[in-house]
Amino acid sequence: MRWNVRSTHYADSVKGRFTIYRDNAKNT
């Protein structure tokens, strides 16, 4: 993912099962 915009990219093998996201307040 890009930290400052809503762009994500997934490997085909995990699409629909995995989700990448961030918590800005926790820098995590």
mmCIF file of all heavy atoms, coordinates in Angstrom:
data_MODEL
# 
_entry.id   MODEL 
# 
loop_
_atom_site.group_PDB 
_atom_site.id 
_atom_site.type_symbol 
_atom_site.label_atom_id 
_atom_site.label_alt_id 
_atom_site.label_comp_id 
_atom_site.label_asym_id 
_atom_site.label_entity_id 
_atom_site.label_seq_id 
_atom_site.pdbx_PDB_ins_code 
_atom_site.Cartn_x 
_atom_site.Cartn_y 
_atom_site.Cartn_z 
_atom_site.occupancy 
_atom_site.B_iso_or_equiv 
_atom_site.pdbx_formal_charge 
_atom_site.auth_seq_id 
_atom_site.auth_comp_id 
_atom_site.auth_asym_id 
_atom_site.auth_atom_id 
_atom_site.pdbx_PDB_model_num 
ATOM 1   N N   . MET A 1 1  ? 0.845   -1.185  0.000   1.00 0.00 ? 1  MET A N   1 
ATOM 2   C CA  . MET A 1 1  ? 0.000   0.000   0.000   1.00 0.00 ? 1  MET A CA  1 
ATOM 3   C C   . MET A 1 1  ? 0.880   1.234   0.000   1.00 0.00 ? 1  MET A C   1 
ATOM 4   O O   . MET A 1 1  ? 2.046   1.184   0.388   1.00 0.00 ? 1  MET A O   1 
ATOM 5   C CB  . MET A 1 1  ? -0.876  0.002   1.256   1.00 0.00 ? 1  MET A CB  1 
ATOM 6   C CG  . MET A 1 1  ? -0.086  -0.045  2.552   1.00 0.00 ? 1  MET A CG  1 
ATOM 7   S SD  . MET A 1 1  ? -1.096  0.114   4.019   1.00 0.00 ? 1  MET A SD  1 
ATOM 8   C CE  . MET A 1 1  ? -1.350  1.884   3.986   1.00 0.00 ? 1  MET A CE  1 
ATOM 9   N N   . ARG A 1 2  ? 0.308   2.336   -0.458  1.00 0.00 ? 2  ARG A N   1 
ATOM 10  C CA  . ARG A 1 2  ? 0.964   3.617   -0.279  1.00 0.00 ? 2  ARG A CA  1 
ATOM 11  C C   . ARG A 1 2  ? 0.353   4.231   0.979   1.00 0.00 ? 2  ARG A C   1 
ATOM 12  O O   . ARG A 1 2  ? -0.855  4.191   1.162   1.00 0.00 ? 2  ARG A O   1 
ATOM 13  C CB  . ARG A 1 2  ? 0.752   4.522   -1.477  1.00 0.00 ? 2  ARG A CB  1 
ATOM 14  C CG  . ARG A 1 2  ? 1.450   4.054   -2.718  1.00 0.00 ? 2  ARG A CG  1 
ATOM 15  C CD  . ARG A 1 2  ? 1.895   5.231   -3.559  1.00 0.00 ? 2  ARG A CD  1 
ATOM 16  N NE  . ARG A 1 2  ? 2.994   5.929   -2.920  1.00 0.00 ? 2  ARG A NE  1 
ATOM 17  C CZ  . ARG A 1 2  ? 4.274   5.618   -3.125  1.00 0.00 ? 2  ARG A CZ  1 
ATOM 18  N NH1 . ARG A 1 2  ? 4.592   4.642   -3.936  1.00 0.00 ? 2  ARG A NH1 1 
ATOM 19  N NH2 . ARG A 1 2  ? 5.217   6.291   -2.524  1.00 0.00 ? 2  ARG A NH2 1 
ATOM 20  N N   . TRP A 1 3  ? 1.205   4.768   1.813   1.00 0.00 ? 3  TRP A N   1 
ATOM 21  C CA  . TRP A 1 3  ? 0.745   5.220   3.114   1.00 0.00 ? 3  TRP A CA  1 
ATOM 22  C C   . TRP A 1 3  ? -0.252  6.367   3.011   1.00 0.00 ? 3  TRP A C   1 
ATOM 23  O O   . TRP A 1 3  ? -1.192  6.466   3.776   1.00 0.00 ? 3  TRP A O   1 
ATOM 24  C CB  . TRP A 1 3  ? 1.962   5.656   3.952   1.00 0.00 ? 3  TRP A CB  1 
ATOM 25  C CG  . TRP A 1 3  ? 1.664   5.785   5.401   1.00 0.00 ? 3  TRP A CG  1 
ATOM 26  C CD1 . TRP A 1 3  ? 1.239   6.901   6.060   1.00 0.00 ? 3  TRP A CD1 1 
ATOM 27  C CD2 . TRP A 1 3  ? 1.738   4.740   6.378   1.00 0.00 ? 3  TRP A CD2 1 
ATOM 28  N NE1 . TRP A 1 3  ? 1.055   6.612   7.389   1.00 0.00 ? 3  TRP A NE1 1 
ATOM 29  C CE2 . TRP A 1 3  ? 1.354   5.306   7.618   1.00 0.00 ? 3  TRP A CE2 1 
ATOM 30  C CE3 . TRP A 1 3  ? 2.087   3.398   6.331   1.00 0.00 ? 3  TRP A CE3 1 
ATOM 31  C CZ2 . TRP A 1 3  ? 1.331   4.559   8.784   1.00 0.00 ? 3  TRP A CZ2 1 
ATOM 32  C CZ3 . TRP A 1 3  ? 2.054   2.663   7.496   1.00 0.00 ? 3  TRP A CZ3 1 
ATOM 33  C CH2 . TRP A 1 3  ? 1.674   3.240   8.699   1.00 0.00 ? 3  TRP A CH2 1 
ATOM 34  N N   . ASN A 1 4  ? -0.064  7.266   2.035   1.00 0.00 ? 4  ASN A N   1 
ATOM 35  C CA  . ASN A 1 4  ? -0.844  8.504   2.028   1.00 0.00 ? 4  ASN A CA  1 
ATOM 36  C C   . ASN A 1 4  ? -1.990  8.531   1.025   1.00 0.00 ? 4  ASN A C   1 
ATOM 37  O O   . ASN A 1 4  ? -2.706  9.509   0.947   1.00 0.00 ? 4  ASN A O   1 
ATOM 38  C CB  . ASN A 1 4  ? 0.087   9.688   1.760   1.00 0.00 ? 4  ASN A CB  1 
ATOM 39  C CG  . ASN A 1 4  ? 0.843   9.524   0.455   1.00 0.00 ? 4  ASN A CG  1 
ATOM 40  O OD1 . ASN A 1 4  ? 0.857   8.459   -0.135  1.00 0.00 ? 4  ASN A OD1 1 
ATOM 41  N ND2 . ASN A 1 4  ? 1.462   10.587  -0.003  1.00 0.00 ? 4  ASN A ND2 1 
ATOM 42  N N   . VAL A 1 5  ? -2.161  7.482   0.251   1.00 0.00 ? 5  VAL A N   1 
ATOM 43  C CA  . VAL A 1 5  ? -3.274  7.435   -0.700  1.00 0.00 ? 5  VAL A CA  1 
ATOM 44  C C   . VAL A 1 5  ? -3.924  6.053   -0.616  1.00 0.00 ? 5  VAL A C   1 
ATOM 45  O O   . VAL A 1 5  ? -3.372  5.115   -0.078  1.00 0.00 ? 5  VAL A O   1 
ATOM 46  C CB  . VAL A 1 5  ? -2.818  7.698   -2.155  1.00 0.00 ? 5  VAL A CB  1 
ATOM 47  C CG1 . VAL A 1 5  ? -2.234  9.083   -2.284  1.00 0.00 ? 5  VAL A CG1 1 
ATOM 48  C CG2 . VAL A 1 5  ? -1.820  6.652   -2.598  1.00 0.00 ? 5  VAL A CG2 1 
ATOM 49  N N   . ARG A 1 6  ? -5.099  5.976   -1.172  1.00 0.00 ? 6  ARG A N   1 
ATOM 50  C CA  . ARG A 1 6  ? -5.834  4.711   -1.104  1.00 0.00 ? 6  ARG A CA  1 
ATOM 51  C C   . ARG A 1 6  ? -5.465  3.788   -2.265  1.00 0.00 ? 6  ARG A C   1 
ATOM 52  O O   . ARG A 1 6  ? -6.311  3.443   -3.082  1.00 0.00 ? 6  ARG A O   1 
ATOM 53  C CB  . ARG A 1 6  ? -7.329  4.980   -1.111  1.00 0.00 ? 6  ARG A CB  1 
ATOM 54  C CG  . ARG A 1 6  ? -7.825  5.694   0.132   1.00 0.00 ? 6  ARG A CG  1 
ATOM 55  C CD  . ARG A 1 6  ? -9.323  5.893   0.078   1.00 0.00 ? 6  ARG A CD  1 
ATOM 56  N NE  . ARG A 1 6  ? -9.846  6.560   1.261   1.00 0.00 ? 6  ARG A NE  1 
ATOM 57  C CZ  . ARG A 1 6  ? -10.235 5.936   2.353   1.00 0.00 ? 6  ARG A CZ  1 
ATOM 58  N NH1 . ARG A 1 6  ? -10.192 4.636   2.413   1.00 0.00 ? 6  ARG A NH1 1 
ATOM 59  N NH2 . ARG A 1 6  ? -10.695 6.619   3.383   1.00 0.00 ? 6  ARG A NH2 1 
ATOM 60  N N   . SER A 1 7  ? -4.216  3.434   -2.345  1.00 0.00 ? 7  SER A N   1 
ATOM 61  C CA  . SER A 1 7  ? -3.812  2.487   -3.379  1.00 0.00 ? 7  SER A CA  1 
ATOM 62  C C   . SER A 1 7  ? -3.248  1.244   -2.707  1.00 0.00 ? 7  SER A C   1 
ATOM 63  O O   . SER A 1 7  ? -2.400  1.330   -1.823  1.00 0.00 ? 7  SER A O   1 
ATOM 64  C CB  . SER A 1 7  ? -2.780  3.107   -4.316  1.00 0.00 ? 7  SER A CB  1 
ATOM 65  O OG  . SER A 1 7  ? -1.554  3.293   -3.672  1.00 0.00 ? 7  SER A OG  1 
ATOM 66  N N   . THR A 1 8  ? -3.722  0.104   -3.129  1.00 0.00 ? 8  THR A N   1 
ATOM 67  C CA  . THR A 1 8  ? -3.244  -1.177  -2.619  1.00 0.00 ? 8  THR A CA  1 
ATOM 68  C C   . THR A 1 8  ? -2.975  -2.118  -3.774  1.00 0.00 ? 8  THR A C   1 
ATOM 69  O O   . THR A 1 8  ? -3.465  -1.924  -4.888  1.00 0.00 ? 8  THR A O   1 
ATOM 70  C CB  . THR A 1 8  ? -4.260  -1.816  -1.663  1.00 0.00 ? 8  THR A CB  1 
ATOM 71  O OG1 . THR A 1 8  ? -5.506  -1.960  -2.356  1.00 0.00 ? 8  THR A OG1 1 
ATOM 72  C CG2 . THR A 1 8  ? -4.469  -0.975  -0.423  1.00 0.00 ? 8  THR A CG2 1 
ATOM 73  N N   . HIS A 1 9  ? -2.225  -3.140  -3.489  1.00 0.00 ? 9  HIS A N   1 
ATOM 74  C CA  . HIS A 1 9  ? -1.817  -4.094  -4.511  1.00 0.00 ? 9  HIS A CA  1 
ATOM 75  C C   . HIS A 1 9  ? -1.691  -5.436  -3.819  1.00 0.00 ? 9  HIS A C   1 
ATOM 76  O O   . HIS A 1 9  ? -1.056  -5.527  -2.766  1.00 0.00 ? 9  HIS A O   1 
ATOM 77  C CB  . HIS A 1 9  ? -0.469  -3.636  -5.103  1.00 0.00 ? 9  HIS A CB  1 
ATOM 78  C CG  . HIS A 1 9  ? -0.017  -4.419  -6.274  1.00 0.00 ? 9  HIS A CG  1 
ATOM 79  N ND1 . HIS A 1 9  ? 1.197   -4.191  -6.896  1.00 0.00 ? 9  HIS A ND1 1 
ATOM 80  C CD2 . HIS A 1 9  ? -0.578  -5.439  -6.963  1.00 0.00 ? 9  HIS A CD2 1 
ATOM 81  C CE1 . HIS A 1 9  ? 1.343   -5.031  -7.892  1.00 0.00 ? 9  HIS A CE1 1 
ATOM 82  N NE2 . HIS A 1 9  ? 0.291   -5.798  -7.951  1.00 0.00 ? 9  HIS A NE2 1 
ATOM 83  N N   . TYR A 1 10 ? -2.295  -6.474  -4.390  1.00 0.00 ? 10 TYR A N   1 
ATOM 84  C CA  . TYR A 1 10 ? -2.276  -7.799  -3.781  1.00 0.00 ? 10 TYR A CA  1 
ATOM 85  C C   . TYR A 1 10 ? -1.774  -8.849  -4.769  1.00 0.00 ? 10 TYR A C   1 
ATOM 86  O O   . TYR A 1 10 ? -2.030  -8.756  -5.970  1.00 0.00 ? 10 TYR A O   1 
ATOM 87  C CB  . TYR A 1 10 ? -3.683  -8.207  -3.340  1.00 0.00 ? 10 TYR A CB  1 
ATOM 88  C CG  . TYR A 1 10 ? -4.245  -7.386  -2.208  1.00 0.00 ? 10 TYR A CG  1 
ATOM 89  C CD1 . TYR A 1 10 ? -5.022  -6.265  -2.458  1.00 0.00 ? 10 TYR A CD1 1 
ATOM 90  C CD2 . TYR A 1 10 ? -3.995  -7.732  -0.875  1.00 0.00 ? 10 TYR A CD2 1 
ATOM 91  C CE1 . TYR A 1 10 ? -5.540  -5.508  -1.423  1.00 0.00 ? 10 TYR A CE1 1 
ATOM 92  C CE2 . TYR A 1 10 ? -4.517  -6.988  0.170   1.00 0.00 ? 10 TYR A CE2 1 
ATOM 93  C CZ  . TYR A 1 10 ? -5.274  -5.873  -0.120  1.00 0.00 ? 10 TYR A CZ  1 
ATOM 94  O OH  . TYR A 1 10 ? -5.796  -5.123  0.913   1.00 0.00 ? 10 TYR A OH  1 
ATOM 95  N N   . ALA A 1 11 ? -1.099  -9.830  -4.244  1.00 0.00 ? 11 ALA A N   1 
ATOM 96  C CA  . ALA A 1 11 ? -0.784  -11.001 -5.048  1.00 0.00 ? 11 ALA A CA  1 
ATOM 97  C C   . ALA A 1 11 ? -2.071  -11.753 -5.350  1.00 0.00 ? 11 ALA A C   1 
ATOM 98  O O   . ALA A 1 11 ? -2.999  -11.776 -4.521  1.00 0.00 ? 11 ALA A O   1 
ATOM 99  C CB  . ALA A 1 11 ? 0.181   -11.910 -4.294  1.00 0.00 ? 11 ALA A CB  1 
ATOM 100 N N   . ASP A 1 12 ? -2.150  -12.371 -6.510  1.00 0.00 ? 12 ASP A N   1 
ATOM 101 C CA  . ASP A 1 12 ? -3.368  -13.094 -6.886  1.00 0.00 ? 12 ASP A CA  1 
ATOM 102 C C   . ASP A 1 12 ? -3.721  -14.183 -5.875  1.00 0.00 ? 12 ASP A C   1 
ATOM 103 O O   . ASP A 1 12 ? -4.889  -14.462 -5.635  1.00 0.00 ? 12 ASP A O   1 
ATOM 104 C CB  . ASP A 1 12 ? -3.192  -13.720 -8.273  1.00 0.00 ? 12 ASP A CB  1 
ATOM 105 C CG  . ASP A 1 12 ? -3.204  -12.680 -9.381  1.00 0.00 ? 12 ASP A CG  1 
ATOM 106 O OD1 . ASP A 1 12 ? -3.667  -11.551 -9.142  1.00 0.00 ? 12 ASP A OD1 1 
ATOM 107 O OD2 . ASP A 1 12 ? -2.753  -13.013 -10.492 1.00 0.00 ? 12 ASP A OD2 1 
ATOM 108 N N   . SER A 1 13 ? -2.710  -14.772 -5.281  1.00 0.00 ? 13 SER A N   1 
ATOM 109 C CA  . SER A 1 13 ? -2.933  -15.892 -4.371  1.00 0.00 ? 13 SER A CA  1 
ATOM 110 C C   . SER A 1 13 ? -3.630  -15.493 -3.076  1.00 0.00 ? 13 SER A C   1 
ATOM 111 O O   . SER A 1 13 ? -4.146  -16.349 -2.361  1.00 0.00 ? 13 SER A O   1 
ATOM 112 C CB  . SER A 1 13 ? -1.603  -16.572 -4.040  1.00 0.00 ? 13 SER A CB  1 
ATOM 113 O OG  . SER A 1 13 ? -0.714  -15.642 -3.445  1.00 0.00 ? 13 SER A OG  1 
ATOM 114 N N   . VAL A 1 14 ? -3.648  -14.191 -2.749  1.00 0.00 ? 14 VAL A N   1 
ATOM 115 C CA  . VAL A 1 14 ? -4.254  -13.757 -1.491  1.00 0.00 ? 14 VAL A CA  1 
ATOM 116 C C   . VAL A 1 14 ? -5.433  -12.813 -1.690  1.00 0.00 ? 14 VAL A C   1 
ATOM 117 O O   . VAL A 1 14 ? -6.086  -12.426 -0.706  1.00 0.00 ? 14 VAL A O   1 
ATOM 118 C CB  . VAL A 1 14 ? -3.207  -13.092 -0.566  1.00 0.00 ? 14 VAL A CB  1 
ATOM 119 C CG1 . VAL A 1 14 ? -2.008  -14.010 -0.358  1.00 0.00 ? 14 VAL A CG1 1 
ATOM 120 C CG2 . VAL A 1 14 ? -2.773  -11.735 -1.094  1.00 0.00 ? 14 VAL A CG2 1 
ATOM 121 N N   . LYS A 1 15 ? -5.712  -12.437 -2.918  1.00 0.00 ? 15 LYS A N   1 
ATOM 122 C CA  . LYS A 1 15 ? -6.834  -11.520 -3.181  1.00 0.00 ? 15 LYS A CA  1 
ATOM 123 C C   . LYS A 1 15 ? -8.139  -12.081 -2.639  1.00 0.00 ? 15 LYS A C   1 
ATOM 124 O O   . LYS A 1 15 ? -8.443  -13.257 -2.817  1.00 0.00 ? 15 LYS A O   1 
ATOM 125 C CB  . LYS A 1 15 ? -6.968  -11.266 -4.683  1.00 0.00 ? 15 LYS A CB  1 
ATOM 126 C CG  . LYS A 1 15 ? -6.028  -10.225 -5.234  1.00 0.00 ? 15 LYS A CG  1 
ATOM 127 C CD  . LYS A 1 15 ? -6.253  -10.013 -6.724  1.00 0.00 ? 15 LYS A CD  1 
ATOM 128 C CE  . LYS A 1 15 ? -5.275  -9.030  -7.293  1.00 0.00 ? 15 LYS A CE  1 
ATOM 129 N NZ  . LYS A 1 15 ? -5.420  -8.879  -8.755  1.00 0.00 ? 15 LYS A NZ  1 
ATOM 130 N N   . GLY A 1 16 ? -8.886  -11.220 -1.968  1.00 0.00 ? 16 GLY A N   1 
ATOM 131 C CA  . GLY A 1 16 ? -10.158 -11.646 -1.402  1.00 0.00 ? 16 GLY A CA  1 
ATOM 132 C C   . GLY A 1 16 ? -10.032 -12.291 -0.036  1.00 0.00 ? 16 GLY A C   1 
ATOM 133 O O   . GLY A 1 16 ? -11.043 -12.492 0.648   1.00 0.00 ? 16 GLY A O   1 
ATOM 134 N N   . ARG A 1 17 ? -8.820  -12.629 0.375   1.00 0.00 ? 17 ARG A N   1 
ATOM 135 C CA  . ARG A 1 17 ? -8.612  -13.267 1.690   1.00 0.00 ? 17 ARG A CA  1 
ATOM 136 C C   . ARG A 1 17 ? -7.806  -12.372 2.641   1.00 0.00 ? 17 ARG A C   1 
ATOM 137 O O   . ARG A 1 17 ? -8.042  -12.388 3.844   1.00 0.00 ? 17 ARG A O   1 
ATOM 138 C CB  . ARG A 1 17 ? -7.879  -14.596 1.518   1.00 0.00 ? 17 ARG A CB  1 
ATOM 139 C CG  . ARG A 1 17 ? -8.616  -15.604 0.667   1.00 0.00 ? 17 ARG A CG  1 
ATOM 140 C CD  . ARG A 1 17 ? -7.941  -16.971 0.714   1.00 0.00 ? 17 ARG A CD  1 
ATOM 141 N NE  . ARG A 1 17 ? -6.575  -16.937 0.190   1.00 0.00 ? 17 ARG A NE  1 
ATOM 142 C CZ  . ARG A 1 17 ? -5.497  -17.310 0.895   1.00 0.00 ? 17 ARG A CZ  1 
ATOM 143 N NH1 . ARG A 1 17 ? -5.631  -17.738 2.137   1.00 0.00 ? 17 ARG A NH1 1 
ATOM 144 N NH2 . ARG A 1 17 ? -4.289  -17.271 0.340   1.00 0.00 ? 17 ARG A NH2 1 
ATOM 145 N N   . PHE A 1 18 ? -6.863  -11.635 2.096   1.00 0.00 ? 18 PHE A N   1 
ATOM 146 C CA  . PHE A 1 18 ? -5.999  -10.775 2.906   1.00 0.00 ? 18 PHE A CA  1 
ATOM 147 C C   . PHE A 1 18 ? -6.346  -9.315  2.666   1.00 0.00 ? 18 PHE A C   1 
ATOM 148 O O   . PHE A 1 18 ? -6.714  -8.922  1.557   1.00 0.00 ? 18 PHE A O   1 
ATOM 149 C CB  . PHE A 1 18 ? -4.532  -10.983 2.535   1.00 0.00 ? 18 PHE A CB  1 
ATOM 150 C CG  . PHE A 1 18 ? -3.948  -12.315 2.917   1.00 0.00 ? 18 PHE A CG  1 
ATOM 151 C CD1 . PHE A 1 18 ? -4.737  -13.376 3.368   1.00 0.00 ? 18 PHE A CD1 1 
ATOM 152 C CD2 . PHE A 1 18 ? -2.583  -12.525 2.825   1.00 0.00 ? 18 PHE A CD2 1 
ATOM 153 C CE1 . PHE A 1 18 ? -4.188  -14.592 3.720   1.00 0.00 ? 18 PHE A CE1 1 
ATOM 154 C CE2 . PHE A 1 18 ? -2.015  -13.732 3.171   1.00 0.00 ? 18 PHE A CE2 1 
ATOM 155 C CZ  . PHE A 1 18 ? -2.813  -14.764 3.613   1.00 0.00 ? 18 PHE A CZ  1 
ATOM 156 N N   . THR A 1 19 ? -6.161  -8.505  3.705   1.00 0.00 ? 19 THR A N   1 
ATOM 157 C CA  . THR A 1 19 ? -6.387  -7.076  3.600   1.00 0.00 ? 19 THR A CA  1 
ATOM 158 C C   . THR A 1 19 ? -5.238  -6.334  4.265   1.00 0.00 ? 19 THR A C   1 
ATOM 159 O O   . THR A 1 19 ? -4.914  -6.603  5.428   1.00 0.00 ? 19 THR A O   1 
ATOM 160 C CB  . THR A 1 19 ? -7.703  -6.657  4.262   1.00 0.00 ? 19 THR A CB  1 
ATOM 161 O OG1 . THR A 1 19 ? -8.786  -7.374  3.669   1.00 0.00 ? 19 THR A OG1 1 
ATOM 162 C CG2 . THR A 1 19 ? -7.946  -5.160  4.083   1.00 0.00 ? 19 THR A CG2 1 
ATOM 163 N N   . ILE A 1 20 ? -4.647  -5.405  3.531   1.00 0.00 ? 20 ILE A N   1 
ATOM 164 C CA  . ILE A 1 20 ? -3.587  -4.568  4.075   1.00 0.00 ? 20 ILE A CA  1 
ATOM 165 C C   . ILE A 1 20 ? -4.187  -3.212  4.420   1.00 0.00 ? 20 ILE A C   1 
ATOM 166 O O   . ILE A 1 20 ? -4.977  -2.653  3.656   1.00 0.00 ? 20 ILE A O   1 
ATOM 167 C CB  . ILE A 1 20 ? -2.415  -4.426  3.075   1.00 0.00 ? 20 ILE A CB  1 
ATOM 168 C CG1 . ILE A 1 20 ? -1.242  -3.677  3.698   1.00 0.00 ? 20 ILE A CG1 1 
ATOM 169 C CG2 . ILE A 1 20 ? -2.862  -3.785  1.773   1.00 0.00 ? 20 ILE A CG2 1 
ATOM 170 C CD1 . ILE A 1 20 ? 0.013   -3.698  2.828   1.00 0.00 ? 20 ILE A CD1 1 
ATOM 171 N N   . TYR A 1 21 ? -3.851  -2.692  5.601   1.00 0.00 ? 21 TYR A N   1 
ATOM 172 C CA  . TYR A 1 21 ? -4.379  -1.390  5.985   1.00 0.00 ? 21 TYR A CA  1 
ATOM 173 C C   . TYR A 1 21 ? -3.453  -0.776  7.022   1.00 0.00 ? 21 TYR A C   1 
ATOM 174 O O   . TYR A 1 21 ? -2.527  -1.426  7.511   1.00 0.00 ? 21 TYR A O   1 
ATOM 175 C CB  . TYR A 1 21 ? -5.809  -1.486  6.496   1.00 0.00 ? 21 TYR A CB  1 
ATOM 176 C CG  . TYR A 1 21 ? -5.991  -2.277  7.773   1.00 0.00 ? 21 TYR A CG  1 
ATOM 177 C CD1 . TYR A 1 21 ? -6.138  -1.639  9.004   1.00 0.00 ? 21 TYR A CD1 1 
ATOM 178 C CD2 . TYR A 1 21 ? -6.058  -3.671  7.755   1.00 0.00 ? 21 TYR A CD2 1 
ATOM 179 C CE1 . TYR A 1 21 ? -6.322  -2.357  10.169  1.00 0.00 ? 21 TYR A CE1 1 
ATOM 180 C CE2 . TYR A 1 21 ? -6.240  -4.400  8.924   1.00 0.00 ? 21 TYR A CE2 1 
ATOM 181 C CZ  . TYR A 1 21 ? -6.383  -3.739  10.123  1.00 0.00 ? 21 TYR A CZ  1 
ATOM 182 O OH  . TYR A 1 21 ? -6.560  -4.451  11.286  1.00 0.00 ? 21 TYR A OH  1 
ATOM 183 N N   . ARG A 1 22 ? -3.728  0.470   7.373   1.00 0.00 ? 22 ARG A N   1 
ATOM 184 C CA  . ARG A 1 22 ? -2.849  1.185   8.286   1.00 0.00 ? 22 ARG A CA  1 
ATOM 185 C C   . ARG A 1 22 ? -3.655  1.919   9.344   1.00 0.00 ? 22 ARG A C   1 
ATOM 186 O O   . ARG A 1 22 ? -4.838  2.201   9.171   1.00 0.00 ? 22 ARG A O   1 
ATOM 187 C CB  . ARG A 1 22 ? -2.011  2.209   7.518   1.00 0.00 ? 22 ARG A CB  1 
ATOM 188 C CG  . ARG A 1 22 ? -2.822  3.395   7.015   1.00 0.00 ? 22 ARG A CG  1 
ATOM 189 C CD  . ARG A 1 22 ? -2.049  4.249   6.054   1.00 0.00 ? 22 ARG A CD  1 
ATOM 190 N NE  . ARG A 1 22 ? -2.760  5.468   5.711   1.00 0.00 ? 22 ARG A NE  1 
ATOM 191 C CZ  . ARG A 1 22 ? -3.742  5.554   4.832   1.00 0.00 ? 22 ARG A CZ  1 
ATOM 192 N NH1 . ARG A 1 22 ? -4.173  4.462   4.227   1.00 0.00 ? 22 ARG A NH1 1 
ATOM 193 N NH2 . ARG A 1 22 ? -4.321  6.705   4.579   1.00 0.00 ? 22 ARG A NH2 1 
ATOM 194 N N   . ASP A 1 23 ? -2.972  2.249   10.425  1.00 0.00 ? 23 ASP A N   1 
ATOM 195 C CA  . ASP A 1 23 ? -3.517  3.112   11.467  1.00 0.00 ? 23 ASP A CA  1 
ATOM 196 C C   . ASP A 1 23 ? -2.544  4.282   11.586  1.00 0.00 ? 23 ASP A C   1 
ATOM 197 O O   . ASP A 1 23 ? -1.438  4.123   12.132  1.00 0.00 ? 23 ASP A O   1 
ATOM 198 C CB  . ASP A 1 23 ? -3.644  2.344   12.789  1.00 0.00 ? 23 ASP A CB  1 
ATOM 199 C CG  . ASP A 1 23 ? -4.266  3.178   13.895  1.00 0.00 ? 23 ASP A CG  1 
ATOM 200 O OD1 . ASP A 1 23 ? -4.036  4.414   13.923  1.00 0.00 ? 23 ASP A OD1 1 
ATOM 201 O OD2 . ASP A 1 23 ? -4.971  2.604   14.735  1.00 0.00 ? 23 ASP A OD2 1 
ATOM 202 N N   . ASN A 1 24 ? -2.934  5.426   11.072  1.00 0.00 ? 24 ASN A N   1 
ATOM 203 C CA  . ASN A 1 24 ? -2.026  6.571   11.070  1.00 0.00 ? 24 ASN A CA  1 
ATOM 204 C C   . ASN A 1 24 ? -1.623  6.983   12.481  1.00 0.00 ? 24 ASN A C   1 
ATOM 205 O O   . ASN A 1 24 ? -0.469  7.323   12.731  1.00 0.00 ? 24 ASN A O   1 
ATOM 206 C CB  . ASN A 1 24 ? -2.679  7.747   10.358  1.00 0.00 ? 24 ASN A CB  1 
ATOM 207 C CG  . ASN A 1 24 ? -2.748  7.542   8.868   1.00 0.00 ? 24 ASN A CG  1 
ATOM 208 O OD1 . ASN A 1 24 ? -2.029  6.716   8.306   1.00 0.00 ? 24 ASN A OD1 1 
ATOM 209 N ND2 . ASN A 1 24 ? -3.627  8.270   8.209   1.00 0.00 ? 24 ASN A ND2 1 
ATOM 210 N N   . ALA A 1 25 ? -2.582  6.979   13.386  1.00 0.00 ? 25 ALA A N   1 
ATOM 211 C CA  . ALA A 1 25 ? -2.294  7.425   14.746  1.00 0.00 ? 25 ALA A CA  1 
ATOM 212 C C   . ALA A 1 25 ? -1.238  6.560   15.414  1.00 0.00 ? 25 ALA A C   1 
ATOM 213 O O   . ALA A 1 25 ? -0.445  7.042   16.219  1.00 0.00 ? 25 ALA A O   1 
ATOM 214 C CB  . ALA A 1 25 ? -3.581  7.440   15.569  1.00 0.00 ? 25 ALA A CB  1 
ATOM 215 N N   . LYS A 1 26 ? -1.236  5.289   15.068  1.00 0.00 ? 26 LYS A N   1 
ATOM 216 C CA  . LYS A 1 26 ? -0.268  4.353   15.672  1.00 0.00 ? 26 LYS A CA  1 
ATOM 217 C C   . LYS A 1 26 ? 0.947   4.133   14.778  1.00 0.00 ? 26 LYS A C   1 
ATOM 218 O O   . LYS A 1 26 ? 1.860   3.396   15.172  1.00 0.00 ? 26 LYS A O   1 
ATOM 219 C CB  . LYS A 1 26 ? -0.942  3.009   15.952  1.00 0.00 ? 26 LYS A CB  1 
ATOM 220 C CG  . LYS A 1 26 ? -2.052  3.099   16.986  1.00 0.00 ? 26 LYS A CG  1 
ATOM 221 C CD  . LYS A 1 26 ? -2.669  1.729   17.245  1.00 0.00 ? 26 LYS A CD  1 
ATOM 222 C CE  . LYS A 1 26 ? -3.755  1.817   18.294  1.00 0.00 ? 26 LYS A CE  1 
ATOM 223 N NZ  . LYS A 1 26 ? -4.380  0.487   18.550  1.00 0.00 ? 26 LYS A NZ  1 
ATOM 224 N N   . ASN A 1 27 ? 0.956   4.754   13.598  1.00 0.00 ? 27 ASN A N   1 
ATOM 225 C CA  . ASN A 1 27 ? 2.057   4.554   12.642  1.00 0.00 ? 27 ASN A CA  1 
ATOM 226 C C   . ASN A 1 27 ? 2.313   3.065   12.419  1.00 0.00 ? 27 ASN A C   1 
ATOM 227 O O   . ASN A 1 27 ? 3.461   2.593   12.408  1.00 0.00 ? 27 ASN A O   1 
ATOM 228 C CB  . ASN A 1 27 ? 3.326   5.250   13.138  1.00 0.00 ? 27 ASN A CB  1 
ATOM 229 C CG  . ASN A 1 27 ? 4.201   5.746   12.010  1.00 0.00 ? 27 ASN A CG  1 
ATOM 230 O OD1 . ASN A 1 27 ? 3.716   6.195   10.974  1.00 0.00 ? 27 ASN A OD1 1 
ATOM 231 N ND2 . ASN A 1 27 ? 5.514   5.676   12.200  1.00 0.00 ? 27 ASN A ND2 1 
ATOM 232 N N   . THR A 1 28 ? 1.220   2.344   12.240  1.00 0.00 ? 28 THR A N   1 
ATOM 233 C CA  . THR A 1 28 ? 1.302   0.883   12.169  1.00 0.00 ? 28 THR A CA  1 
ATOM 234 C C   . THR A 1 28 ? 0.574   0.374   10.942  1.00 0.00 ? 28 THR A C   1 
ATOM 235 O O   . THR A 1 28 ? -0.513  0.849   10.609  1.00 0.00 ? 28 THR A O   1 
ATOM 236 C CB  . THR A 1 28 ? 0.685   0.246   13.431  1.00 0.00 ? 28 THR A CB  1 
ATOM 237 O OG1 . THR A 1 28 ? 1.434   0.658   14.573  1.00 0.00 ? 28 THR A OG1 1 
ATOM 238 C CG2 . THR A 1 28 ? 0.707   -1.271  13.348  1.00 0.00 ? 28 THR A CG2 1 
# 
